[in-house]
């Protein structure tokens, strides 16, 4: 099976921001599904200091052909100066689910 689909990972500062972004990306057919995982803590270096912040992780599912548009739109919607936007290839998956992902993001519907 080819890696024709992606998981996109992105963190948000709070649940309301994460939910707003998730709903927008699904409504705009850029993501088939977005999981919101609250309760994570991120430890990172930013502007020369170590930070520890509560965040919400978004796990977005999309076909490869939507990644660029999703990335651009996520960047526009995101409040961070440099948001985490990481694409991970899906190399295996239930064919019916992967087909569903494609159908949900098809703009011809």
Protein backbone atom coordinates (compact mmCIF):
# COMPACT_ATOMS: atom_id res chain seq x y z
CA UNK A 1 0.00 0.00 0.00
CA UNK A 2 1.44 3.41 -0.89
CA UNK A 3 1.64 6.29 1.54
CA UNK A 4 -1.19 8.22 -0.08
CA UNK A 5 -2.55 9.59 3.21
CA UNK A 6 -1.08 11.55 6.10
CA UNK A 7 -1.51 12.19 9.79
CA UNK A 8 -0.80 15.83 10.60
CA UNK A 9 0.21 16.65 14.17
CA UNK A 10 -0.24 20.11 15.62
CA UNK A 11 -0.51 21.49 19.15
CA UNK A 12 -2.85 24.27 20.27
CA UNK A 13 -2.82 26.43 23.39
CA UNK A 14 -6.32 25.42 24.56
CA UNK A 15 -9.37 23.34 23.73
CA UNK A 16 -11.46 26.16 22.26
CA UNK A 17 -8.71 27.04 19.77
CA UNK A 18 -8.21 23.37 18.91
CA UNK A 19 -11.95 22.82 18.40
CA UNK A 20 -12.30 25.95 16.21
CA UNK A 21 -9.41 24.84 14.01
CA UNK A 22 -10.68 21.24 13.82
CA UNK A 23 -14.22 22.21 12.84
CA UNK A 24 -12.99 24.68 10.23
CA UNK A 25 -10.64 22.18 8.58
CA UNK A 26 -13.30 19.45 8.46
CA UNK A 27 -15.96 21.89 7.18
CA UNK A 28 -13.57 23.04 4.46
CA UNK A 29 -12.86 19.39 3.51
CA UNK A 30 -9.15 19.74 4.19
CA UNK A 31 -9.26 17.06 6.88
CA UNK A 32 -11.52 14.03 7.02
CA UNK A 33 -11.26 13.80 10.80
CA UNK A 34 -9.45 15.60 13.60
CA UNK A 35 -8.85 14.09 17.03
CA UNK A 36 -8.37 16.50 19.94
CA UNK A 37 -6.17 15.12 22.70
CA UNK A 38 -6.31 17.47 25.69
CA UNK A 39 -4.15 17.20 28.76
CA UNK A 40 -0.70 17.07 27.20
CA UNK A 41 2.24 19.04 28.51
CA UNK A 42 4.82 20.32 26.07
CA UNK A 43 8.38 21.09 27.19
CA UNK A 44 10.28 23.13 24.62
CA UNK A 45 12.83 25.85 24.05
CA UNK A 46 11.50 29.15 22.69
CA UNK A 47 13.38 32.44 22.44
CA UNK A 48 16.21 31.16 24.63
CA UNK A 49 14.04 29.87 27.48
CA UNK A 50 12.65 26.47 28.46
CA UNK A 51 8.84 26.45 28.62
CA UNK A 52 6.37 23.94 30.01
CA UNK A 53 2.82 24.49 28.81
CA UNK A 54 -0.47 22.64 28.78
CA UNK A 55 -1.61 22.11 25.21
CA UNK A 56 -4.13 20.19 23.12
CA UNK A 57 -2.76 17.91 20.41
CA UNK A 58 -4.58 17.80 17.09
CA UNK A 59 -4.27 14.62 15.02
CA UNK A 60 -5.58 15.43 11.55
CA UNK A 61 -6.21 12.84 8.84
CA UNK A 62 -6.01 13.80 5.19
CA UNK A 63 -5.02 12.48 1.76
CA UNK A 64 -1.59 13.41 0.46
CA UNK A 65 -3.05 15.77 -2.15
CA UNK A 66 -4.63 17.92 0.61
CA UNK A 67 -1.50 18.29 2.76
CA UNK A 68 -0.24 21.54 1.25
CA UNK A 69 -3.65 23.25 1.36
CA UNK A 70 -4.30 21.95 4.89
CA UNK A 71 -0.88 23.17 6.04
CA UNK A 72 -1.44 26.65 4.61
CA UNK A 73 -4.92 26.92 6.12
CA UNK A 74 -3.78 25.57 9.49
CA UNK A 75 -0.98 28.14 9.50
CA UNK A 76 -3.56 30.90 8.84
CA UNK A 77 -5.89 29.71 11.61
CA UNK A 78 -3.21 29.03 14.23
CA UNK A 79 -2.39 31.59 16.95
CA UNK A 80 1.28 30.55 17.36
CA UNK A 81 4.03 32.38 15.49
CA UNK A 82 5.58 29.03 14.54
CA UNK A 83 2.96 26.31 14.94
CA UNK A 84 3.88 22.65 15.04
CA UNK A 85 2.74 21.16 11.73
CA UNK A 86 4.25 17.73 11.15
CA UNK A 87 3.07 15.31 8.46
CA UNK A 88 3.52 11.58 9.03
CA UNK A 89 2.91 9.13 6.16
CA UNK A 90 0.27 6.47 6.70
CA UNK A 91 1.93 3.40 5.22
CA UNK A 92 -0.73 0.86 6.23
CA UNK A 93 -4.41 1.16 6.97
CA UNK A 94 -7.81 -0.35 6.42
CA UNK A 95 -8.52 0.37 2.73
CA UNK A 96 -12.14 1.28 3.46
CA UNK A 97 -11.02 3.87 6.04
CA UNK A 98 -8.42 5.37 3.71
CA UNK A 99 -11.06 5.55 0.98
CA UNK A 100 -13.40 7.28 3.43
CA UNK A 101 -10.67 9.86 4.16
CA UNK A 102 -10.39 10.60 0.45
CA UNK A 103 -14.16 10.78 -0.03
CA UNK A 104 -14.61 13.17 2.92
CA UNK A 105 -12.05 15.60 1.51
CA UNK A 106 -13.27 15.38 -2.10
CA UNK A 107 -14.56 18.80 -3.10
CA UNK A 108 -16.74 17.35 -5.88
CA UNK A 109 -19.41 16.15 -3.38
